[in-house]
Protein backbone atom coordinates (compact mmCIF):
# COMPACT_ATOMS: atom_id res chain seq x y z
CA MET A 1 13.66 -36.35 -18.69
CA GLN A 2 13.70 -33.19 -18.98
CA SER A 3 15.65 -31.27 -21.33
CA LEU A 4 18.10 -28.90 -20.02
CA THR A 5 21.80 -27.21 -21.46
CA HIS A 6 24.17 -28.02 -18.52
CA SER A 7 24.52 -24.04 -17.66
CA SER A 8 20.26 -24.05 -17.67
CA ARG A 9 20.68 -27.07 -15.06
CA SER A 10 23.40 -25.37 -13.05
CA ASP A 11 21.48 -22.28 -12.69
CA LYS A 12 18.19 -23.90 -12.00
CA ILE A 13 19.69 -26.03 -9.17
CA GLU A 14 21.71 -23.30 -8.02
CA SER A 15 17.87 -20.92 -7.25
CA TYR A 16 16.90 -24.09 -5.91
CA ARG A 17 19.81 -24.70 -3.05
CA LEU A 18 19.39 -21.13 -2.28
CA ARG A 19 15.41 -22.17 -1.70
CA ALA A 20 16.05 -24.72 -0.06
CA ARG A 21 17.79 -22.72 2.39
CA THR A 22 15.31 -20.05 2.67
CA LEU A 23 12.63 -22.38 2.98
CA ASP A 24 14.08 -24.17 6.04
CA ASN A 25 15.20 -20.86 7.62
CA SER A 26 12.59 -18.65 7.35
CA GLU A 27 11.63 -16.36 10.45
CA ALA A 28 8.17 -18.58 10.42
CA TRP A 29 10.42 -21.75 10.72
CA ARG A 30 12.57 -20.20 13.15
CA GLY A 31 10.12 -19.11 15.10
CA ARG A 32 8.73 -22.39 15.23
CA ARG A 33 12.32 -24.46 16.30
CA SER A 34 12.18 -21.78 19.09
CA GLN A 35 8.92 -22.74 20.93
CA GLY A 36 10.68 -26.52 21.27
CA ASP A 37 10.67 -27.32 18.30
CA PHE A 38 13.66 -30.63 17.61
CA ALA A 39 14.77 -33.18 14.10
CA GLN A 40 13.42 -35.87 13.65
CA ALA A 41 14.57 -38.41 11.12
CA ILE A 42 12.36 -41.56 8.61
CA ASN A 43 14.75 -44.33 8.39
CA PRO A 44 15.30 -45.70 5.13
CA ILE A 45 12.64 -47.81 3.97
CA GLY A 46 13.33 -51.57 5.42
CA THR A 47 15.19 -50.47 8.50
CA LEU A 48 13.57 -49.97 12.20
CA PRO A 49 13.91 -46.28 13.21
CA PRO A 50 15.21 -45.90 16.61
CA PRO A 51 12.63 -44.65 19.23
CA ALA A 52 13.99 -41.26 19.76
CA THR A 53 13.35 -40.18 16.14
CA VAL A 54 9.78 -41.66 15.57
CA PRO A 55 8.00 -39.29 13.99
CA VAL A 56 5.07 -37.15 16.38
CA LYS A 57 1.34 -37.57 16.41
CA LEU A 58 -0.05 -34.92 15.64
CA LYS A 59 -3.41 -34.99 18.19
CA CYS A 60 -7.33 -34.25 16.53
CA ASP A 61 -10.03 -34.46 18.76
CA LEU A 62 -11.60 -36.30 15.22
CA ASP A 63 -10.98 -39.21 13.25
CA GLU A 64 -8.07 -40.68 11.43
CA TYR A 65 -10.86 -41.59 8.89
CA TYR A 66 -14.19 -40.97 7.95
CA CYS A 67 -16.94 -42.47 9.88
CA THR A 68 -18.81 -46.14 8.56
CA ILE A 69 -20.95 -48.90 9.50
CA GLU A 70 -18.75 -51.42 10.11
CA ARG A 71 -17.26 -48.46 12.93
CA HIS A 72 -20.90 -48.70 14.93
CA LEU A 73 -21.06 -52.50 14.05
CA ALA A 74 -18.10 -53.42 16.29
CA LYS A 75 -19.38 -52.50 19.37
CA LEU A 76 -22.13 -55.19 19.47
CA ARG A 77 -20.91 -58.39 21.21
CA SER A 78 -22.05 -60.95 18.62
CA LYS A 79 -19.04 -61.31 16.10
CA TYR A 80 -22.24 -62.29 13.53
CA ALA A 81 -23.06 -58.61 13.76
CA THR A 82 -21.07 -57.42 10.47
CA PRO A 83 -21.07 -60.23 8.60
CA VAL A 84 -25.22 -60.94 9.14
CA TYR A 85 -25.72 -57.25 8.22
CA CYS A 86 -23.52 -57.03 5.61
CA PHE A 87 -24.95 -60.35 3.58
CA ALA A 88 -28.39 -58.49 4.73
CA LEU A 89 -28.07 -55.61 3.02
CA ARG A 90 -26.84 -57.36 0.21
CA LEU A 91 -29.51 -59.48 -0.01
CA SER A 92 -32.83 -56.57 0.04
CA ARG A 93 -30.53 -54.37 -2.17
CA LYS A 94 -33.40 -54.24 -4.16
CA SER A 95 -36.20 -55.24 -2.67
CA GLY A 96 -35.56 -53.18 0.71
CA ARG A 97 -36.52 -56.23 2.77
CA PHE A 98 -34.94 -58.98 4.55
CA TYR A 99 -36.89 -62.14 5.96
CA ALA A 100 -34.33 -64.80 6.18
CA SER A 101 -35.00 -67.56 8.55
CA GLN A 102 -32.98 -67.16 11.67
CA ILE A 103 -32.64 -71.41 11.31
CA ARG A 104 -31.21 -71.11 8.08
CA MET A 105 -28.82 -67.95 8.26
CA ALA A 106 -27.23 -70.55 11.40
CA ASN A 107 -26.49 -73.77 9.17
CA TYR A 108 -24.83 -70.59 6.59
CA PHE A 109 -23.09 -68.89 8.90
CA GLY A 110 -22.11 -72.31 11.28
CA CYS A 111 -23.39 -71.09 14.92
CA SER A 112 -26.39 -72.30 16.49
CA ARG A 113 -29.74 -70.87 16.32
CA ARG A 114 -30.30 -69.24 20.03
CA THR A 115 -26.48 -67.24 18.81
CA MET A 116 -27.58 -66.46 15.60
CA GLY A 117 -31.23 -65.23 17.51
CA THR A 118 -29.10 -63.18 19.96
CA THR A 119 -27.35 -61.67 16.75
CA PHE A 120 -30.63 -61.10 15.08
CA GLY A 121 -31.76 -59.06 18.44
CA GLU A 122 -28.50 -57.08 18.53
CA LEU A 123 -29.01 -55.83 15.04
CA GLU A 124 -32.82 -54.98 16.36
CA ARG A 125 -31.82 -53.08 19.42
CA GLY A 126 -29.45 -51.33 17.79
CA ARG A 127 -31.40 -50.17 15.01
CA PHE A 128 -29.63 -51.77 12.08
CA PHE A 129 -32.22 -53.70 11.56
CA ARG A 130 -36.38 -52.26 11.43
CA ARG A 131 -38.82 -54.93 12.10
CA ILE A 132 -41.68 -54.02 9.67
CA SER A 133 -43.82 -57.43 9.65
CA THR A 134 -43.69 -60.42 12.19
CA SER A 135 -46.39 -63.21 12.14
CA ARG A 136 -46.56 -66.11 14.31
CA PHE A 137 -44.81 -69.48 11.85
CA GLN A 138 -43.34 -67.37 9.12
CA THR A 139 -39.79 -65.25 9.37
CA ASN A 140 -39.84 -61.52 10.41
CA VAL A 141 -39.26 -59.08 7.73
CA TYR A 142 -36.74 -56.40 7.96
CA MET A 143 -35.51 -53.31 6.51
CA VAL A 144 -31.43 -53.55 6.86
CA GLN A 145 -30.75 -49.61 7.60
CA ASP A 146 -27.57 -48.02 5.87
CA HIS A 147 -25.16 -46.09 7.05
CA PRO A 148 -26.84 -42.57 6.02
CA ALA A 149 -30.09 -44.07 6.86
CA TRP A 150 -29.33 -45.12 10.35
CA THR A 151 -27.25 -41.64 10.91
CA LYS A 152 -30.98 -39.37 10.95
CA GLU A 153 -32.24 -41.78 13.62
CA ASN A 154 -28.72 -41.89 15.65
CA PRO A 155 -27.41 -38.69 15.36
CA GLY A 156 -24.01 -37.43 17.35
CA GLN A 157 -22.74 -41.19 16.77
CA CYS A 158 -20.56 -40.74 14.34
CA VAL A 159 -16.76 -39.40 14.03
CA THR A 160 -15.57 -36.71 11.56
CA LYS A 161 -12.60 -37.32 9.56
CA CYS A 162 -9.98 -34.83 10.49
CA GLU A 163 -8.83 -33.14 7.76
CA MET A 164 -5.55 -31.92 7.45
CA PRO A 165 -3.45 -29.82 4.70
CA TRP A 166 -1.93 -32.26 3.23
CA SER A 167 -4.28 -34.91 3.12
CA ASN A 168 -6.76 -33.44 1.15
CA ASP A 169 -6.37 -29.89 0.25
CA GLY A 170 -2.87 -28.58 -1.20
CA PRO A 171 -0.76 -30.17 -4.74
CA ASP A 172 -1.54 -33.51 -6.13
CA LEU A 173 2.05 -33.50 -5.38
CA GLY A 174 2.36 -33.50 -2.16
CA ARG A 175 -1.06 -36.07 -1.56
CA GLN A 176 1.16 -38.37 -3.40
CA LEU A 177 4.11 -38.27 -2.16
CA TYR A 178 2.80 -38.44 1.43
CA ALA A 179 1.31 -41.81 0.75
CA ILE A 180 4.22 -42.52 -0.39
CA SER A 181 6.10 -42.05 2.51
CA GLY A 182 3.32 -43.95 4.12
CA GLY A 183 2.08 -41.12 6.18
CA ARG A 184 5.18 -40.30 7.38
CA VAL A 185 6.79 -37.02 5.39
CA LYS A 186 4.10 -34.17 4.60
CA PHE A 187 5.73 -31.72 2.26
CA ARG A 188 4.55 -27.62 2.69
CA PRO A 189 3.10 -25.94 -0.64
CA GLU A 190 5.88 -23.99 -0.96
CA GLN A 191 8.37 -27.18 -1.13
CA ILE A 192 5.73 -28.56 -3.86
CA LYS A 193 6.26 -25.34 -5.60
CA CYS A 194 9.84 -24.99 -5.67
CA LEU A 195 10.74 -28.47 -6.50
CA THR A 196 8.06 -28.48 -9.70
CA GLU A 197 10.30 -25.29 -10.80
CA LEU A 198 12.82 -27.65 -11.44
CA PHE A 199 11.42 -31.49 -11.82
CA SER A 200 9.28 -32.93 -13.26
CA GLU A 201 6.21 -34.64 -10.94
CA GLU A 202 7.47 -38.25 -12.09
CA GLU A 203 10.91 -37.01 -11.41
CA ILE A 204 10.49 -35.67 -8.19
CA GLU A 205 8.48 -38.79 -7.23
CA HIS A 206 10.92 -40.71 -8.43
CA GLY A 207 14.02 -39.00 -6.13
CA PHE A 208 11.53 -39.59 -3.31
CA ARG A 209 11.10 -43.21 -3.81
CA ARG A 210 14.79 -43.05 -3.62
CA LEU A 211 15.64 -40.53 -0.70
CA LEU A 212 12.90 -43.05 1.58
CA GLU A 213 15.13 -46.25 0.25
CA THR A 214 18.97 -44.93 0.65
CA ARG A 215 18.93 -42.14 3.84
CA SER A 216 16.96 -41.22 6.70
CA VAL A 217 14.65 -37.99 5.77
CA ALA A 218 14.82 -35.12 8.84
CA LEU A 219 11.51 -34.03 9.52
CA ASP A 220 10.30 -30.63 11.49
CA ARG A 221 8.18 -31.45 14.98
CA HIS A 222 5.28 -30.96 12.74
CA GLY A 223 6.23 -34.36 10.15
CA PHE A 224 7.13 -31.47 7.32
CA ILE A 225 10.20 -32.04 5.62
CA ARG A 226 13.49 -30.33 5.78
CA MET A 227 14.58 -29.64 2.38
CA GLU A 228 17.95 -28.06 3.50
CA GLY A 229 20.91 -30.61 2.42
CA LEU A 230 19.23 -32.20 0.17
CA ASP A 231 20.09 -33.44 -2.89
CA TRP A 232 17.63 -33.37 -5.51
CA GLU A 233 19.72 -33.48 -8.45
CA ALA A 234 21.27 -36.81 -7.74
CA LEU A 235 18.34 -38.27 -6.42
CA CYS A 236 15.36 -37.20 -9.78
CA TRP A 237 18.50 -37.46 -12.04
CA ASP A 238 20.80 -40.35 -10.79
CA ILE A 239 23.41 -38.32 -11.19
């Protein structure tokens, strides 16, 4: 804990409370409220929030996750497509060649030879497997395409992660608090700056966890926390 005298703590707390009110009532924030803003709340962990207080999910034309090969494999019909692809990619990691027979693969995955043949066909048509050698009475040799290589041959099929200010930009502490809340509560940079001027990062994390466990958290329509009325001194310092 920070070693502060009683007077200096009181001065800082009073300064924080004044700034919290300023942040919550600034012209920019009042402008958002005039456009139909409404209060939301995150209930304490372990309780179910009423339907009317579930935070509004921001709409985005992009995706919430980075694109991976699993996203493309999920579109194939065979349930063995993903495990066979991952198995083949692992075996061919050093040599760049995959040549296991379909019969042995079927025995390994516990399915019929016909099912495994269908799976191989789907992977080949989807350009996940590229056949580079075919010989009679011998197994085919494939090159397994990883995600970067597959993307080059199939442009326009991937999604881009929707980057938000609280995900990769802004203070590290803001991203950490966002993760602690399970992606439900966001902090503005000016709010983080206000808190870090008064408390250490460890104290803020401790206080925020206590806040989530003990009371509802009011949010604006964009999912950012409302600071007014929160006693961070009691939360961070266990007063």
